[in-house]
Amino acid sequence: GGVGLVVIKRGAMGVLAGDASGERWQVPACTVSRVLDTNGAGDAFNAGFLRVWARGGGVVAALHVGCAAAALAVQHEGAVGAWAPSCAAVDALTELEYGDKPWWQKGI
């Protein structure tokens, strides 16, 4: 029994996660140039995270996709609507933010 995984969403400070074995993860938030509305950002994170994790993806990959989904959500007004990003848009932002980069682009 017990809780297997805990995820703490911290907005612009990214996310923290930990599992029952004691493993811990920290992922920074995606870069967002302009926040229009934070309504729905947590739900967008949950959807992105669960899309990866429920299919057996790793925790870090799921956290990355969740952060990307939330970053897209905050750049639109309202919690839901025609702006809802496609999986392809979320995956593209995930790759842009967290994918392999040359050493001179890391941290950008």
C-alpha atoms as a PDB file:
ATOM      1  CA  GLY A   1       0.000   0.000   0.000  1.00  0.00           C
ATOM      2  CA  GLY A   2       0.898   3.601   0.286  1.00  0.00           C
ATOM      3  CA  VAL A   3       1.587   6.317  -2.213  1.00  0.00           C
ATOM      4  CA  GLY A   4       3.796   5.249  -5.119  1.00  0.00           C
ATOM      5  CA  LEU A   5       4.585   8.658  -6.621  1.00  0.00           C
ATOM      6  CA  VAL A   6       4.095  12.258  -5.551  1.00  0.00           C
ATOM      7  CA  VAL A   7       4.406  15.235  -7.904  1.00  0.00           C
ATOM      8  CA  ILE A   8       4.521  18.806  -6.610  1.00  0.00           C
ATOM      9  CA  LYS A   9       3.752  21.462  -9.224  1.00  0.00           C
ATOM     10  CA  ARG A  10       5.446  24.789  -8.441  1.00  0.00           C
ATOM     11  CA  GLY A  11       4.486  26.966 -11.396  1.00  0.00           C
ATOM     12  CA  ALA A  12       7.425  28.934 -12.765  1.00  0.00           C
ATOM     13  CA  MET A  13       9.725  27.046 -10.370  1.00  0.00           C
ATOM     14  CA  GLY A  14       9.067  23.742 -12.144  1.00  0.00           C
ATOM     15  CA  VAL A  15       8.141  20.450 -10.510  1.00  0.00           C
ATOM     16  CA  LEU A  16       9.436  18.114  -7.844  1.00  0.00           C
ATOM     17  CA  ALA A  17       8.624  14.409  -7.690  1.00  0.00           C
ATOM     18  CA  GLY A  18       9.459  11.511  -5.451  1.00  0.00           C
ATOM     19  CA  ASP A  19       8.572   7.848  -5.286  1.00  0.00           C
ATOM     20  CA  ALA A  20       8.148   5.285  -2.535  1.00  0.00           C
ATOM     21  CA  SER A  21      11.695   3.972  -3.015  1.00  0.00           C
ATOM     22  CA  GLY A  22      13.128   7.376  -2.094  1.00  0.00           C
ATOM     23  CA  GLU A  23      14.129   8.462  -5.587  1.00  0.00           C
ATOM     24  CA  ARG A  24      13.667  12.184  -6.215  1.00  0.00           C
ATOM     25  CA  TRP A  25      13.434  14.323  -9.347  1.00  0.00           C
ATOM     26  CA  GLN A  26      13.438  18.051 -10.047  1.00  0.00           C
ATOM     27  CA  VAL A  27      12.542  19.496 -13.454  1.00  0.00           C
ATOM     28  CA  PRO A  28      12.631  23.207 -14.333  1.00  0.00           C
ATOM     29  CA  ALA A  29       9.630  24.875 -15.912  1.00  0.00           C
ATOM     30  CA  CYS A  30       9.688  25.600 -19.626  1.00  0.00           C
ATOM     31  CA  THR A  31      10.592  29.078 -20.766  1.00  0.00           C
ATOM     32  CA  VAL A  32       7.491  31.206 -21.254  1.00  0.00           C
ATOM     33  CA  SER A  33       7.800  34.708 -22.670  1.00  0.00           C
ATOM     34  CA  ARG A  34       4.336  35.882 -21.654  1.00  0.00           C
ATOM     35  CA  VAL A  35       1.838  34.380 -19.211  1.00  0.00           C
ATOM     36  CA  LEU A  36      -1.729  35.280 -20.126  1.00  0.00           C
ATOM     37  CA  ASP A  37      -3.716  33.035 -17.792  1.00  0.00           C
ATOM     38  CA  THR A  38      -2.705  30.300 -15.342  1.00  0.00           C
ATOM     39  CA  ASN A  39      -6.197  28.767 -15.207  1.00  0.00           C
ATOM     40  CA  GLY A  40      -5.931  25.217 -16.453  1.00  0.00           C
ATOM     41  CA  ALA A  41      -2.132  25.001 -16.262  1.00  0.00           C
ATOM     42  CA  GLY A  42      -2.242  22.324 -13.577  1.00  0.00           C
ATOM     43  CA  ASP A  43      -4.789  20.310 -15.513  1.00  0.00           C
ATOM     44  CA  ALA A  44      -2.675  20.640 -18.663  1.00  0.00           C
ATOM     45  CA  PHE A  45       0.361  19.431 -16.702  1.00  0.00           C
ATOM     46  CA  ASN A  46      -1.612  16.456 -15.393  1.00  0.00           C
ATOM     47  CA  ALA A  47      -2.775  15.518 -18.890  1.00  0.00           C
ATOM     48  CA  GLY A  48       0.730  15.736 -20.340  1.00  0.00           C
ATOM     49  CA  PHE A  49       2.294  13.856 -17.448  1.00  0.00           C
ATOM     50  CA  LEU A  50      -0.288  11.083 -17.503  1.00  0.00           C
ATOM     51  CA  ARG A  51      -0.094  10.685 -21.291  1.00  0.00           C
ATOM     52  CA  VAL A  52       3.517   9.548 -20.861  1.00  0.00           C
ATOM     53  CA  TRP A  53       3.489   7.909 -17.426  1.00  0.00           C
ATOM     54  CA  ALA A  54       0.326   5.842 -17.947  1.00  0.00           C
ATOM     55  CA  ARG A  55       1.930   4.307 -21.046  1.00  0.00           C
ATOM     56  CA  GLY A  56       4.968   3.182 -19.097  1.00  0.00           C
ATOM     57  CA  GLY A  57       7.199   6.164 -19.809  1.00  0.00           C
ATOM     58  CA  GLY A  58       9.761   7.246 -17.271  1.00  0.00           C
ATOM     59  CA  VAL A  59       9.039   9.798 -14.584  1.00  0.00           C
ATOM     60  CA  VAL A  60      11.455  12.394 -15.998  1.00  0.00           C
ATOM     61  CA  ALA A  61       9.997  12.106 -19.499  1.00  0.00           C
ATOM     62  CA  ALA A  62       6.489  12.455 -18.053  1.00  0.00           C
ATOM     63  CA  LEU A  63       7.518  15.506 -16.008  1.00  0.00           C
ATOM     64  CA  HIS A  64       9.014  17.115 -19.115  1.00  0.00           C
ATOM     65  CA  VAL A  65       5.843  16.598 -21.155  1.00  0.00           C
ATOM     66  CA  GLY A  66       3.682  17.835 -18.284  1.00  0.00           C
ATOM     67  CA  CYS A  67       5.741  21.015 -17.981  1.00  0.00           C
ATOM     68  CA  ALA A  68       5.533  21.606 -21.726  1.00  0.00           C
ATOM     69  CA  ALA A  69       1.751  21.173 -21.726  1.00  0.00           C
ATOM     70  CA  ALA A  70       1.425  23.625 -18.825  1.00  0.00           C
ATOM     71  CA  ALA A  71       3.708  26.143 -20.565  1.00  0.00           C
ATOM     72  CA  LEU A  72       1.496  26.093 -23.642  1.00  0.00           C
ATOM     73  CA  ALA A  73      -1.625  26.440 -21.487  1.00  0.00           C
ATOM     74  CA  VAL A  74      -0.485  29.598 -19.686  1.00  0.00           C
ATOM     75  CA  GLN A  75       0.088  31.356 -23.002  1.00  0.00           C
ATOM     76  CA  HIS A  76      -3.652  31.271 -23.789  1.00  0.00           C
ATOM     77  CA  GLU A  77      -6.672  32.760 -22.059  1.00  0.00           C
ATOM     78  CA  GLY A  78      -9.171  30.503 -20.351  1.00  0.00           C
ATOM     79  CA  ALA A  79      -8.897  27.032 -18.920  1.00  0.00           C
ATOM     80  CA  VAL A  80     -10.039  25.213 -22.043  1.00  0.00           C
ATOM     81  CA  GLY A  81     -11.021  26.024 -25.570  1.00  0.00           C
ATOM     82  CA  ALA A  82      -9.963  25.957 -29.186  1.00  0.00           C
ATOM     83  CA  TRP A  83      -6.372  26.720 -28.127  1.00  0.00           C
ATOM     84  CA  ALA A  84      -5.903  23.223 -26.640  1.00  0.00           C
ATOM     85  CA  PRO A  85      -2.505  22.078 -27.918  1.00  0.00           C
ATOM     86  CA  SER A  86      -2.016  18.942 -29.952  1.00  0.00           C
ATOM     87  CA  CYS A  87       0.249  16.173 -28.750  1.00  0.00           C
ATOM     88  CA  ALA A  88       2.621  17.183 -31.554  1.00  0.00           C
ATOM     89  CA  ALA A  89       2.834  20.761 -30.219  1.00  0.00           C
ATOM     90  CA  VAL A  90       3.495  19.542 -26.684  1.00  0.00           C
ATOM     91  CA  ASP A  91       6.114  17.080 -27.899  1.00  0.00           C
ATOM     92  CA  ALA A  92       7.831  19.762 -30.007  1.00  0.00           C
ATOM     93  CA  LEU A  93       8.096  22.110 -27.010  1.00  0.00           C
ATOM     94  CA  THR A  94       9.325  19.230 -24.846  1.00  0.00           C
ATOM     95  CA  GLU A  95      12.121  18.531 -27.325  1.00  0.00           C
ATOM     96  CA  LEU A  96      12.964  22.217 -27.622  1.00  0.00           C
ATOM     97  CA  GLU A  97      13.185  22.703 -23.848  1.00  0.00           C
ATOM     98  CA  TYR A  98      14.557  19.386 -22.625  1.00  0.00           C
ATOM     99  CA  GLY A  99      16.044  17.607 -25.640  1.00  0.00           C
ATOM    100  CA  ASP A 100      19.720  17.060 -26.246  1.00  0.00           C
ATOM    101  CA  LYS A 101      21.514  20.304 -27.062  1.00  0.00           C
ATOM    102  CA  PRO A 102      25.086  21.260 -27.849  1.00  0.00           C
ATOM    103  CA  TRP A 103      26.981  22.379 -24.749  1.00  0.00           C
ATOM    104  CA  TRP A 104      26.721  26.070 -25.699  1.00  0.00           C
ATOM    105  CA  GLN A 105      22.907  25.948 -25.738  1.00  0.00           C
ATOM    106  CA  LYS A 106      22.391  24.233 -22.403  1.00  0.00           C
ATOM    107  CA  GLY A 107      20.603  26.387 -19.873  1.00  0.00           C
ATOM    108  CA  ILE A 108      18.983  28.583 -22.509  1.00  0.00           C
END
